[in-house]
Amino acid sequence: MQIFGQIVDIRNRRVFSGIVTVTDGKIESIEAADHQETQYILPGFIDAHIHIESSLLVPSEFAQLAVVHGTVGTISDPHEIANVLGVAGVNFMIENGKQSPLKFHFGAPSCVPATGFETAGAEINAEAIRELMDSPDIYYLAEMMNYPGVLYDDSEVMQKLHWAKLSGKPLDGHAPGLRGEAIKKYVQAGISTDHECFTYEEALEKLQLGMKVIIREGSAAKNFEALIDLAHEHFEKMLFCSDDKHPDDLLLGHINDLCARAVAKGVDVFKVLQMACLNPVTHYKMDVGTLQINDPADFIVVEDLVQFKVKATYINGKIAAQNGQAKLPKIAFDTPNNFNCQAKTPADFVVKSSAKTIRVIEALEGQLITNELHVPATVKAGELCADPKKDILKLAVVNRYQEAPVAVAFIKNFGLQSGAIASSVAHDCHNIVAVGVTDEELCRAVNLLITQQGGLCAVSAEQELILPLPIAGIMSNQNGVEVAAKYQELDALAKSLGSTLKAPYMTLSFMALLVIPDLKLSDKGLFSGNSFAFVDLNVD
């Protein structure tokens, strides 16, 4: 097979007219040649940190959407399914991914559960990490979210790092806002990347300490604008990722969009492509070709080096996508799950109190971090109530793995004026998280998910809408287009109820993520990520 085009030689920073010859799945030759073809041939794009589960799709279905945008490989942390099913969940992702041409490179989840302050469905201890790191199917130790454990030399955390370093594979980080002596110690522990930087200054400090900074632009957390100017000087140590990408967003674009935006910002195109195509392959020793002779024939054809509209994607020399259509096989798969709670009643969501002031979580558009607000309480008949006029709503987390009291708090910026939305995609432990106006509406939404053994839903006075997620309560057994369409219906209903967030379900899924400061809610109670301790809902 021969492909004619303008060949993009990223390493030597040149573009030349030529022919790529592929034989038996590998690049046999790359030769300069005169022809009239104006399309560009370049290495495929890599998402350098993603939880495939957040697309609500299994790896083989995720691939159907991603290859259309020129993605040929991922660095994938199966942390989400691991929190539900343990090592068995990791193996499910690896085996399903192997059946797809897209090159998934999975890591060993380092923090399952992420903290001891919430209930997960499984645990991966240091001994399990040792066994995983010995596997050829595991390419790195996935994000070490328990940075306090690193800073205070927690014995279990340090043992996990020890086994990872012995394997010779990279150690991924997760240290939002960590600066000064704390980040120095974190780096000295052998951790080499971070995708959680949300300010220019923080990312620069980490780069100067030798870390690689991964610019994240997902469905909820968006750090591209804050960090992209660092690429002018530090491109050799920077990468791109989405982290968490919902299916409706994945339909529209992937890493190709970040390349277009970076070039539009004035970053040199070769620097951009080194970040998107080469740096992840080098850092993680990926089994992905980079348009070199004898490499696997993993490359893409794009119309130009401005918009990066993908005409074709090749993986191992075979066409994976062409003119906006995936050319991948459909894969059959099982639907493992772990869901063991019973239906709730509205009384389970009642909070008795006579407090004058309460702590309220302030959700922030485009961020995983939250703020802690102190707000006058709305008390009726001795019970704390939501106040939609002030955009103060009830937030609930329900333990999905066993019977337990419902944890309830209050949250600002979801905007609902009536109804409720709920999700069993709730990082990191994937208990049920719901936000709503009344106890009755919260209860209806939660019970919909319990009945279906997982999903996303919305309820209004007239309507109940659900996207079932039967695989671990976090992934669908349907194809990406169908899941995206149902997700868009849910998103529209949530916004018709008053939500002003761009991605209300993605934002909701992070309101139980304790390792991201500040105020979050676990199934065990209200938690401060700054003090790393539970706090009282009542201020006074």
Protein backbone atom coordinates (compact mmCIF):
# COMPACT_ATOMS: atom_id res chain seq x y z
CA MET A 1 0.00 0.00 0.00
CA GLN A 2 1.23 3.48 -0.87
CA ILE A 3 -0.07 6.79 0.50
CA PHE A 4 0.81 10.02 -1.30
CA GLY A 5 0.90 13.33 0.53
CA GLN A 6 2.86 16.06 2.25
CA ILE A 7 4.85 14.15 4.85
CA VAL A 8 5.18 15.84 8.24
CA ASP A 9 8.59 15.06 9.71
CA ILE A 10 8.13 16.28 13.28
CA ARG A 11 11.62 15.42 14.52
CA ASN A 12 13.39 17.34 11.77
CA ARG A 13 10.73 20.07 11.62
CA ARG A 14 10.04 19.85 7.93
CA VAL A 15 7.25 18.99 5.50
CA PHE A 16 8.03 17.42 2.13
CA SER A 17 6.14 15.88 -0.76
CA GLY A 18 6.48 12.13 -0.64
CA ILE A 19 5.15 8.58 -0.53
CA VAL A 20 4.67 6.30 2.49
CA THR A 21 4.86 2.61 1.61
CA VAL A 22 3.31 0.09 4.01
CA THR A 23 4.01 -3.63 3.94
CA ASP A 24 2.71 -6.21 6.43
CA GLY A 25 1.52 -3.54 8.83
CA LYS A 26 4.81 -1.66 9.01
CA ILE A 27 6.37 1.37 7.34
CA GLU A 28 8.61 -0.05 4.62
CA SER A 29 9.77 3.28 3.23
CA ILE A 30 9.23 7.04 3.31
CA GLU A 31 10.48 8.63 0.12
CA ALA A 32 10.44 12.15 -1.28
CA ALA A 33 8.52 12.34 -4.56
CA ASP A 34 6.87 15.01 -6.65
CA HIS A 35 3.08 14.72 -6.98
CA GLN A 36 -0.02 16.91 -6.80
CA GLU A 37 -1.45 15.53 -3.54
CA THR A 38 -1.91 18.28 -0.94
CA GLN A 39 -3.08 16.18 2.03
CA TYR A 40 -0.74 15.80 5.02
CA ILE A 41 0.55 12.53 6.48
CA LEU A 42 1.64 12.55 10.13
CA PRO A 43 1.81 10.28 13.18
CA GLY A 44 -1.49 9.58 14.93
CA PHE A 45 -2.66 11.44 18.02
CA ILE A 46 -2.29 10.10 21.58
CA ASP A 47 -4.47 10.93 24.57
CA ALA A 48 -1.81 10.92 27.31
CA HIS A 49 -4.20 10.40 30.22
CA ILE A 50 -7.79 9.23 30.02
CA HIS A 51 -10.31 7.21 31.97
CA ILE A 52 -12.09 5.39 29.16
CA GLU A 53 -14.96 4.67 31.55
CA SER A 54 -15.91 8.36 31.63
CA SER A 55 -16.95 8.13 27.99
CA LEU A 56 -19.62 5.74 29.33
CA LEU A 57 -18.28 3.26 26.77
CA VAL A 58 -16.15 0.14 26.90
CA PRO A 59 -12.76 0.50 25.16
CA SER A 60 -13.85 -1.13 21.90
CA GLU A 61 -16.81 1.27 21.60
CA PHE A 62 -14.70 4.26 22.65
CA ALA A 63 -12.38 3.37 19.77
CA GLN A 64 -15.23 3.63 17.26
CA LEU A 65 -15.53 7.35 18.07
CA ALA A 66 -11.88 8.21 18.75
CA VAL A 67 -10.31 6.88 15.53
CA VAL A 68 -12.48 9.23 13.49
CA HIS A 69 -10.51 12.12 15.04
CA GLY A 70 -7.09 10.59 14.37
CA THR A 71 -6.51 9.03 17.79
CA VAL A 72 -4.42 5.87 17.43
CA GLY A 73 -3.48 5.25 21.07
CA THR A 74 -4.26 6.14 24.66
CA ILE A 75 -2.64 6.10 28.07
CA SER A 76 -5.62 4.76 30.00
CA ASP A 77 -6.11 4.57 33.74
CA PRO A 78 -8.78 1.93 34.58
CA HIS A 79 -9.13 3.44 38.03
CA GLU A 80 -12.90 3.87 37.75
CA ILE A 81 -13.84 0.26 37.07
CA ALA A 82 -11.14 -0.85 39.54
CA ASN A 83 -12.97 0.99 42.33
CA VAL A 84 -16.06 -1.08 41.51
CA LEU A 85 -14.60 -4.49 40.57
CA GLY A 86 -10.93 -4.44 41.55
CA VAL A 87 -8.32 -6.25 39.46
CA ALA A 88 -11.10 -8.11 37.64
CA GLY A 89 -12.26 -4.74 36.30
CA VAL A 90 -8.75 -3.87 35.13
CA ASN A 91 -8.57 -7.18 33.29
CA PHE A 92 -11.97 -6.56 31.69
CA MET A 93 -10.69 -3.29 30.22
CA ILE A 94 -7.42 -4.83 29.01
CA GLU A 95 -9.10 -7.77 27.31
CA ASN A 96 -11.81 -5.67 25.67
CA GLY A 97 -9.20 -3.16 24.50
CA LYS A 98 -7.08 -5.90 22.95
CA GLN A 99 -9.92 -6.76 20.59
CA SER A 100 -9.84 -3.26 19.08
CA PRO A 101 -7.13 -2.00 16.68
CA LEU A 102 -6.81 1.25 18.69
CA LYS A 103 -3.78 0.88 20.95
CA PHE A 104 -4.91 1.13 24.56
CA HIS A 105 -2.05 1.26 27.09
CA PHE A 106 -3.41 0.62 30.56
CA GLY A 107 -1.86 1.48 33.90
CA ALA A 108 -2.10 -0.11 37.34
CA PRO A 109 -4.55 1.96 39.42
CA SER A 110 -2.54 3.19 42.40
CA CYS A 111 -5.34 4.41 44.65
CA VAL A 112 -8.22 1.95 44.98
CA PRO A 113 -9.90 3.26 46.99
CA ALA A 114 -8.44 6.73 46.62
CA THR A 115 -8.90 7.44 50.34
CA GLY A 116 -10.17 5.69 53.44
CA PHE A 117 -12.91 8.29 53.77
CA GLU A 118 -15.35 6.63 51.34
CA THR A 119 -16.72 3.21 50.49
CA ALA A 120 -15.51 1.51 47.32
CA GLY A 121 -16.45 -1.82 45.83
CA ALA A 122 -12.90 -3.19 45.87
CA GLU A 123 -9.33 -2.61 46.99
CA ILE A 124 -6.04 -2.90 45.14
CA ASN A 125 -3.24 -3.19 47.71
CA ALA A 126 0.53 -3.06 47.31
CA GLU A 127 0.79 -6.79 46.61
CA ALA A 128 -1.74 -6.46 43.80
CA ILE A 129 0.24 -3.52 42.43
CA ARG A 130 3.36 -5.69 42.39
CA GLU A 131 1.58 -8.34 40.34
CA LEU A 132 0.06 -5.79 37.97
CA MET A 133 3.36 -3.98 37.39
CA ASP A 134 4.93 -7.31 36.38
CA SER A 135 2.34 -7.73 33.62
CA PRO A 136 3.33 -6.85 30.04
CA ASP A 137 -0.21 -5.47 29.63
CA ILE A 138 0.49 -2.74 32.22
CA TYR A 139 2.60 0.19 31.03
CA TYR A 140 2.79 2.48 34.07
CA LEU A 141 1.64 3.14 37.63
CA ALA A 142 -1.49 5.25 37.22
CA GLU A 143 -1.99 8.57 38.95
CA MET A 144 -0.90 8.64 42.60
CA MET A 145 -3.83 10.67 43.93
CA ASN A 146 -3.00 10.05 47.56
CA TYR A 147 -0.38 12.77 47.64
CA PRO A 148 -0.72 13.17 51.44
CA GLY A 149 0.32 9.52 51.66
CA VAL A 150 3.44 10.34 49.64
CA LEU A 151 4.23 13.43 51.70
CA TYR A 152 3.79 11.63 55.03
CA ASP A 153 5.47 8.37 53.98
CA ASP A 154 2.41 6.16 54.33
CA SER A 155 3.75 2.62 54.35
CA GLU A 156 1.21 1.19 51.87
CA VAL A 157 1.68 4.11 49.44
CA MET A 158 5.46 3.86 49.63
CA GLN A 159 5.31 0.11 48.98
CA LYS A 160 3.24 0.71 45.85
CA LEU A 161 5.78 3.27 44.63
CA HIS A 162 8.58 0.82 45.41
CA TRP A 163 7.09 -1.94 43.24
CA ALA A 164 6.40 0.52 40.44
CA LYS A 165 9.98 1.81 40.43
CA LEU A 166 11.36 -1.73 40.43
CA SER A 167 9.36 -2.43 37.26
CA GLY A 168 11.15 0.39 35.45
CA LYS A 169 7.83 1.76 34.24
CA PRO A 170 6.73 5.41 34.64
CA LEU A 171 4.89 6.68 37.73
CA ASP A 172 2.01 9.08 37.03
CA GLY A 173 1.07 11.91 39.34
CA HIS A 174 -2.02 13.72 40.55
CA ALA A 175 -1.22 16.71 42.75
CA PRO A 176 -3.58 19.66 42.15
CA GLY A 177 -2.19 22.87 43.59
CA LEU A 178 0.79 21.21 45.27
CA ARG A 179 3.67 23.69 45.46
CA GLY A 180 6.94 24.42 47.27
CA GLU A 181 8.59 21.80 49.46
CA ALA A 182 5.56 19.52 49.14
CA ILE A 183 5.85 19.15 45.37
CA LYS A 184 9.61 18.68 45.66
CA LYS A 185 9.10 15.67 47.93
CA TYR A 186 6.40 14.33 45.61
CA VAL A 187 8.77 14.49 42.64
CA GLN A 188 11.62 12.96 44.65
CA ALA A 189 9.37 9.94 45.23
CA GLY A 190 9.80 9.15 41.53
CA ILE A 191 6.54 10.57 40.20
CA SER A 192 7.11 11.96 36.73
CA THR A 193 3.89 13.56 35.42
CA ASP A 194 0.94 15.67 36.47
CA HIS A 195 -2.28 16.39 34.60
CA GLU A 196 -3.91 18.38 37.43
CA CYS A 197 -2.20 21.77 37.05
CA PHE A 198 -4.75 24.57 36.85
CA THR A 199 -2.50 27.65 36.90
CA TYR A 200 0.45 28.70 34.75
CA GLU A 201 2.65 29.23 37.82
CA GLU A 202 1.92 25.79 39.26
CA ALA A 203 2.66 24.05 35.97
CA LEU A 204 5.88 26.04 35.49
CA GLU A 205 7.13 25.07 38.94
CA LYS A 206 6.48 21.39 38.22
CA LEU A 207 8.21 21.62 34.84
CA GLN A 208 11.24 23.25 36.44
CA LEU A 209 11.39 20.34 38.90
CA GLY A 210 11.59 17.92 35.99
CA MET A 211 7.99 16.75 35.82
CA LYS A 212 6.14 16.38 32.56
CA VAL A 213 2.95 18.45 32.50
CA ILE A 214 -0.06 17.08 30.66
CA ILE A 215 -2.46 19.77 29.48
CA ARG A 216 -5.98 18.57 30.24
CA GLU A 217 -9.08 19.59 28.36
CA GLY A 218 -11.99 17.29 29.15
CA SER A 219 -15.75 17.58 29.46
CA ALA A 220 -15.54 19.07 32.96
CA ALA A 221 -11.95 20.11 33.73
CA LYS A 222 -10.53 22.57 31.21
CA ASN A 223 -6.97 23.78 31.73
CA PHE A 224 -5.87 24.42 28.14
CA GLU A 225 -6.19 28.21 28.25
CA ALA A 226 -4.29 28.48 31.53
CA LEU A 227 -1.36 26.31 30.43
CA ILE A 228 -0.90 26.41 26.65
CA ASP A 229 1.50 29.39 26.64
CA LEU A 230 4.03 27.17 28.43
CA ALA A 231 4.28 25.08 25.26
CA HIS A 232 6.36 27.72 23.45
CA GLU A 233 9.35 26.95 25.68
CA HIS A 234 8.54 23.65 27.40
CA PHE A 235 6.97 21.58 24.61
CA GLU A 236 9.56 18.81 25.03
CA LYS A 237 8.11 18.04 28.48
CA MET A 238 4.41 18.58 27.75
CA LEU A 239 1.59 16.37 26.46
CA PHE A 240 -2.17 16.61 25.81
CA CYS A 241 -4.98 14.67 27.45
CA SER A 242 -8.72 14.72 27.99
CA ASP A 243 -8.80 12.80 31.31
CA ASP A 244 -12.60 12.48 31.22
CA LYS A 245 -14.55 12.82 27.98
CA HIS A 246 -18.29 12.32 27.70
CA PRO A 247 -19.62 10.65 24.53
CA ASP A 248 -21.33 13.72 23.09
CA ASP A 249 -18.05 15.66 23.27
CA LEU A 250 -16.11 12.71 21.83
CA LEU A 251 -18.39 12.73 18.80
CA LEU A 252 -17.20 16.27 18.05
CA GLY A 253 -13.46 15.95 18.53
CA HIS A 254 -10.53 14.71 20.57
CA ILE A 255 -6.80 15.55 20.66
CA ASN A 256 -7.09 16.92 17.11
CA ASP A 257 -9.11 19.82 18.51
CA LEU A 258 -6.37 20.69 21.01
CA CYS A 259 -3.83 20.75 18.19
CA ALA A 260 -6.01 23.16 16.21
CA ARG A 261 -6.49 25.41 19.22
CA ALA A 262 -2.78 25.42 20.05
CA VAL A 263 -1.80 26.38 16.50
CA ALA A 264 -4.46 29.12 16.58
CA LYS A 265 -2.79 30.41 19.76
CA GLY A 266 0.46 30.82 17.85
CA VAL A 267 2.31 27.75 19.09
CA ASP A 268 4.65 26.36 16.42
CA VAL A 269 2.96 23.43 14.68
CA PHE A 270 5.94 21.11 15.13
CA LYS A 271 5.96 21.79 18.88
CA VAL A 272 2.24 21.06 19.01
CA LEU A 273 2.61 17.80 17.12
CA GLN A 274 5.53 16.70 19.26
CA MET A 275 3.27 17.08 22.30
CA ALA A 276 0.33 15.30 20.65
CA CYS A 277 2.10 12.52 18.75
CA LEU A 278 5.64 11.85 19.99
CA ASN A 279 6.07 12.74 23.67
CA PRO A 280 3.56 10.19 25.02
CA VAL A 281 5.07 7.39 22.92
CA THR A 282 8.56 8.16 24.23
CA HIS A 283 7.62 8.68 27.88
CA TYR A 284 5.43 5.59 28.23
CA LYS A 285 7.34 3.40 25.75
CA MET A 286 4.12 2.87 23.84
CA ASP A 287 3.71 0.26 21.15
CA VAL A 288 2.75 2.96 18.65
CA GLY A 289 4.50 3.96 15.45
CA THR A 290 5.64 7.55 14.88
CA LEU A 291 6.03 7.54 11.09
CA GLN A 292 9.52 6.06 10.99
CA ILE A 293 10.80 3.26 8.75
CA ASN A 294 10.14 -0.18 10.34
CA ASP A 295 7.60 1.34 12.77
CA PRO A 296 4.09 -0.03 13.02
CA ALA A 297 2.09 1.82 10.37
CA ASP A 298 0.11 4.01 12.78
CA PHE A 299 -0.48 7.35 11.08
CA ILE A 300 -3.18 9.74 9.93
CA VAL A 301 -4.02 11.80 6.87
CA VAL A 302 -5.35 15.31 7.48
CA GLU A 303 -6.51 18.09 5.17
CA ASP A 304 -4.24 20.75 6.65
CA LEU A 305 -2.07 21.66 9.63
CA VAL A 306 -4.47 24.29 10.90
CA GLN A 307 -7.80 22.58 11.61
CA PHE A 308 -6.43 19.01 11.51
CA LYS A 309 -9.57 17.62 9.93
CA VAL A 310 -8.89 13.91 9.65
CA LYS A 311 -9.42 12.21 6.30
CA ALA A 312 -8.12 8.78 7.30
CA THR A 313 -6.64 6.92 10.27
CA TYR A 314 -4.38 3.90 9.84
CA ILE A 315 -3.42 1.50 12.65
CA ASN A 316 -0.97 -1.31 11.93
CA GLY A 317 -1.34 -0.47 8.26
CA LYS A 318 -5.09 -1.03 8.16
CA ILE A 319 -7.71 1.65 7.67
CA ALA A 320 -9.40 2.41 11.02
CA ALA A 321 -11.43 5.44 9.91
CA GLN A 322 -12.11 7.22 6.65
CA ASN A 323 -14.04 10.41 5.86
CA GLY A 324 -15.62 10.60 9.30
CA GLN A 325 -16.61 6.93 9.54
CA ALA A 326 -14.98 4.28 11.72
CA LYS A 327 -13.97 1.05 9.97
CA LEU A 328 -13.57 -1.10 13.09
CA PRO A 329 -15.18 -4.45 13.94
CA LYS A 330 -17.99 -4.70 16.49
CA ILE A 331 -16.96 -6.57 19.63
CA ALA A 332 -19.16 -8.64 21.96
CA PHE A 333 -18.57 -8.27 25.71
CA ASP A 334 -19.95 -9.20 29.13
CA THR A 335 -21.65 -6.83 31.63
CA PRO A 336 -20.05 -7.33 35.07
CA ASN A 337 -21.46 -5.23 37.91
CA ASN A 338 -21.44 -4.66 41.69
CA PHE A 339 -24.64 -3.07 42.99
CA ASN A 340 -26.06 -4.10 46.36
CA CYS A 341 -28.22 -1.34 47.88
CA GLN A 342 -31.97 -1.18 48.39
CA ALA A 343 -34.51 1.48 47.37
CA LYS A 344 -34.65 4.62 49.51
CA THR A 345 -37.49 6.75 50.89
CA PRO A 346 -37.72 10.56 50.99
CA ALA A 347 -37.12 10.40 54.73
CA ASP A 348 -33.59 9.11 54.04
CA PHE A 349 -32.70 12.54 52.60
CA VAL A 350 -33.99 14.64 55.54
CA VAL A 351 -31.45 16.64 57.57
CA LYS A 352 -32.64 17.70 61.02
CA SER A 353 -30.97 20.91 62.16
CA SER A 354 -31.45 24.29 63.75
CA ALA A 355 -28.21 25.71 62.37
CA LYS A 356 -28.03 29.36 61.38
CA THR A 357 -25.13 28.87 58.95
CA ILE A 358 -24.10 25.82 56.93
CA ARG A 359 -21.19 24.79 54.76
CA VAL A 360 -22.05 24.75 51.06
CA ILE A 361 -20.01 23.27 48.20
CA GLU A 362 -19.47 25.78 45.40
CA ALA A 363 -19.15 23.93 42.10
CA LEU A 364 -17.05 25.77 39.50
CA GLU A 365 -17.61 25.70 35.75
CA GLY A 366 -14.82 23.86 33.95
CA GLN A 367 -13.00 22.86 37.14
CA LEU A 368 -12.77 19.83 39.42
CA ILE A 369 -11.83 22.00 42.37
CA THR A 370 -14.60 23.47 44.50
CA ASN A 371 -14.87 26.17 47.13
CA GLU A 372 -16.28 26.09 50.64
CA LEU A 373 -18.99 28.67 51.26
CA HIS A 374 -20.66 29.57 54.55
CA VAL A 375 -24.30 30.34 53.81
CA PRO A 376 -27.34 31.22 55.95
CA ALA A 377 -29.36 28.03 56.45
CA THR A 378 -32.90 27.60 55.17
CA VAL A 379 -34.73 25.73 57.96
CA LYS A 380 -38.35 24.61 57.80
CA ALA A 381 -39.97 22.60 60.60
CA GLY A 382 -36.56 21.77 62.02
CA GLU A 383 -35.19 20.50 58.69
CA LEU A 384 -32.50 21.96 56.40
CA CYS A 385 -33.99 22.64 52.96
CA ALA A 386 -32.81 23.61 49.52
CA ASP A 387 -33.38 27.18 48.36
CA PRO A 388 -33.48 27.16 44.54
CA LYS A 389 -34.04 30.93 44.42
CA LYS A 390 -30.56 31.31 45.90
CA ASP A 391 -29.27 28.33 43.88
CA ILE A 392 -28.66 26.28 47.03
CA LEU A 393 -29.63 22.66 46.33
CA LYS A 394 -29.41 19.38 48.18
CA LEU A 395 -26.59 17.01 47.27
CA ALA A 396 -26.75 13.34 48.27
CA VAL A 397 -24.35 10.42 48.06
CA VAL A 398 -25.77 6.91 48.46
CA ASN A 399 -23.56 3.89 49.20
CA ARG A 400 -24.23 1.47 46.32
CA TYR A 401 -22.27 -1.44 47.73
CA GLN A 402 -24.11 -1.99 51.02
CA GLU A 403 -26.95 -0.59 53.08
CA ALA A 404 -25.91 2.61 54.87
CA PRO A 405 -27.36 6.03 55.80
CA VAL A 406 -27.55 8.56 52.96
CA ALA A 407 -24.98 11.37 53.16
CA VAL A 408 -26.52 14.79 52.49
CA ALA A 409 -24.99 18.24 51.98
CA PHE A 410 -25.74 21.41 50.02
CA ILE A 411 -24.31 22.77 46.78
CA LYS A 412 -24.32 25.96 44.72
CA ASN A 413 -24.14 26.61 40.95
CA PHE A 414 -26.14 23.67 39.62
CA GLY A 415 -29.08 26.03 39.05
CA LEU A 416 -31.95 23.53 39.15
CA GLN A 417 -35.29 25.20 39.86
CA SER A 418 -37.13 21.89 40.11
CA GLY A 419 -36.46 18.18 39.74
CA ALA A 420 -33.26 16.23 40.31
CA ILE A 421 -30.43 14.55 38.42
CA ALA A 422 -28.42 11.54 39.57
CA SER A 423 -25.48 9.41 38.49
CA SER A 424 -23.71 6.22 39.51
CA VAL A 425 -20.64 7.62 37.75
CA ALA A 426 -19.21 9.37 40.81
CA HIS A 427 -15.43 9.56 41.04
CA ASP A 428 -13.71 7.80 42.57
CA CYS A 429 -15.77 5.11 44.27
CA HIS A 430 -18.83 5.37 42.04
CA ASN A 431 -21.48 5.49 44.67
CA ILE A 432 -24.70 7.21 43.63
CA VAL A 433 -24.54 11.01 43.62
CA ALA A 434 -27.64 13.16 43.15
CA VAL A 435 -28.56 16.84 43.26
CA GLY A 436 -32.09 18.15 43.51
CA VAL A 437 -34.63 20.55 44.92
CA THR A 438 -36.80 18.33 47.15
CA ASP A 439 -36.30 15.11 49.09
CA GLU A 440 -39.02 13.44 47.01
CA GLU A 441 -37.31 14.32 43.72
CA LEU A 442 -33.91 13.23 44.99
CA CYS A 443 -35.41 9.93 46.12
CA ARG A 444 -37.09 9.31 42.75
CA ALA A 445 -33.83 9.91 40.89
CA VAL A 446 -31.77 7.69 43.21
CA ASN A 447 -34.30 4.85 43.05
CA LEU A 448 -34.29 4.93 39.25
CA LEU A 449 -30.57 4.15 39.35
CA ILE A 450 -30.94 1.47 42.01
CA THR A 451 -33.63 -0.25 39.93
CA GLN A 452 -31.42 -0.20 36.82
CA GLN A 453 -28.24 -1.14 38.74
CA GLY A 454 -26.54 2.02 37.55
CA GLY A 455 -26.85 4.86 35.07
CA LEU A 456 -27.50 8.57 34.62
CA CYS A 457 -30.99 9.99 35.10
CA ALA A 458 -33.10 13.10 35.43
CA VAL A 459 -36.57 13.53 36.92
CA SER A 460 -39.06 16.37 36.59
CA ALA A 461 -42.68 16.65 37.66
CA GLU A 462 -43.78 15.11 34.35
CA GLN A 463 -40.82 13.02 33.19
CA GLU A 464 -38.26 10.39 34.15
CA LEU A 465 -35.34 9.78 31.79
CA ILE A 466 -32.48 7.31 32.30
CA LEU A 467 -29.39 6.09 30.47
CA PRO A 468 -28.70 2.61 31.93
CA LEU A 469 -25.05 1.73 32.60
CA PRO A 470 -25.04 -2.01 33.29
CA ILE A 471 -21.25 -2.50 33.11
CA ALA A 472 -20.00 -1.79 36.64
CA GLY A 473 -22.70 0.88 36.87
CA ILE A 474 -20.44 3.19 34.87
CA MET A 475 -20.46 2.01 31.22
CA SER A 476 -23.13 1.24 28.65
CA ASN A 477 -23.49 -1.89 26.57
CA GLN A 478 -24.70 0.22 23.61
CA ASN A 479 -22.72 1.87 20.83
CA GLY A 480 -21.24 5.33 21.14
CA VAL A 481 -23.70 7.13 18.88
CA GLU A 482 -26.71 5.75 20.79
CA VAL A 483 -25.14 6.57 24.15
CA ALA A 484 -24.26 10.09 23.00
CA ALA A 485 -27.84 10.68 21.81
CA LYS A 486 -29.33 9.52 25.13
CA TYR A 487 -26.77 11.56 27.02
CA GLN A 488 -27.73 14.65 25.04
CA GLU A 489 -31.40 14.05 25.96
CA LEU A 490 -30.45 13.90 29.62
CA ASP A 491 -28.29 16.99 29.32
CA ALA A 492 -31.17 18.87 27.68
CA LEU A 493 -33.61 17.82 30.41
CA ALA A 494 -31.18 18.88 33.16
CA LYS A 495 -30.81 22.28 31.50
CA SER A 496 -34.58 22.62 31.06
CA LEU A 497 -34.82 22.16 34.84
CA GLY A 498 -32.55 25.19 35.22
CA SER A 499 -28.98 23.92 35.21
CA THR A 500 -26.59 26.51 33.80
CA LEU A 501 -23.53 24.24 33.77
CA LYS A 502 -22.07 23.24 30.41
CA ALA A 503 -21.77 19.61 31.51
CA PRO A 504 -23.98 19.10 34.60
CA TYR A 505 -23.50 15.32 34.73
CA MET A 506 -19.75 15.49 34.38
CA THR A 507 -19.58 18.18 37.07
CA LEU A 508 -21.87 16.11 39.32
CA SER A 509 -19.63 13.08 38.91
CA PHE A 510 -16.74 14.94 40.56
CA MET A 511 -18.62 16.25 43.60
CA ALA A 512 -17.66 13.08 45.50
CA LEU A 513 -13.99 13.23 44.42
CA LEU A 514 -12.31 13.78 47.76
CA VAL A 515 -8.73 14.07 46.47
CA ILE A 516 -9.55 17.32 44.65
CA PRO A 517 -9.90 20.30 47.01
CA ASP A 518 -11.81 21.67 48.64
CA LEU A 519 -15.26 20.70 49.83
CA LYS A 520 -16.73 17.39 48.58
CA LEU A 521 -19.24 14.81 49.79
CA SER A 522 -18.55 11.09 50.22
CA ASP A 523 -21.00 8.41 51.31
CA LYS A 524 -19.56 8.90 54.81
CA GLY A 525 -19.98 12.67 55.03
CA LEU A 526 -18.81 16.16 54.11
CA PHE A 527 -15.07 16.28 53.48
CA SER A 528 -12.45 19.02 53.17
CA GLY A 529 -9.69 18.27 50.67
CA ASN A 530 -7.59 21.06 52.17
CA SER A 531 -7.50 19.64 55.70
CA PHE A 532 -8.05 16.07 54.43
CA ALA A 533 -10.66 15.46 57.12
CA PHE A 534 -14.42 15.35 57.59
CA VAL A 535 -16.11 18.62 58.50
CA ASP A 536 -19.49 19.41 60.01
CA LEU A 537 -22.31 20.56 57.74
CA ASN A 538 -23.34 23.07 60.41
CA VAL A 539 -21.06 26.05 60.98
CA ASP A 540 -23.06 27.38 63.95
